[in-house]
Amino acid sequence: MEVIDLKKQLKPLYQPSAKSVDVVDVPPMNFLMVDGEGDPNTSQAFSDAIEALFALSYTVKFMIKKGPMAIDYGVMPLEGLWWADDMTKFSSEDKSNWKWTVMIMQPSFATQEIIEDALVEVKKKKKMDDLSKVRFESFSEGKCAQTMHIGPFSDEGPTIEKLHHFIDAISHRRGKHHEIYLSDIRKAAPSKWKTIVRQPMQ
């Protein structure tokens, strides 16, 4: 059986430094994605979307591992795109108007057919309304600046400011605020949470 470390293969994208801001070129990759809106801390839709994404991602992983390809790999971390229709009201104090896309990257060998088979399998085992909201598609960001934030989400402000100042000094921001959640927040202390903060740039 072949064992693949996707994070190692994509190290520049998924293991940035916390000490600096780096510019990366993010190629098109395939994701399972769910869109929604509202405060992620209180939204049931947000929790349901994450549950659906992980259930599908692990089912895809085991189908590939046990299937003809016989490839084993670690499921990739949860990622989130965040924005508001009026970005002047995109505030950490009031998250009720936030819009989001949560997503998990899938390896290039996870085909549409495998994803569809995994959907059928998960539907058999679990009652999840949000499965119908999951889509599988390519997502491309191109040139981005990113850095690592270590600590609770509520302390991200200075990290985001540092990222924005870096971009504004050399270019212009574009696209949506992007976060990649590397830590299992159920097990790790908040002071040790690792979050990649990424912003597309011109």
Foldseek 3Di string as FASTA:
>chain_A
DAEDEVCVVVVVVNPFAQVDKDKDFWFKFKKWKFKDAFDCVPDPLNVLRVVLQVQLQVLLQVCCCPDPVNYHYDWFFKKKWKAAPDRVPCDPVGRGRIIMMIITTDDPPSDPVSSVVSLVVCVVVDDGPCSVRIDMDIDGQTIKMKHKDAAAPVPCVVVVVNRCVVQVVPFAFDDTWMKTWPDDPVPDDRRGTIIMTMTRTD
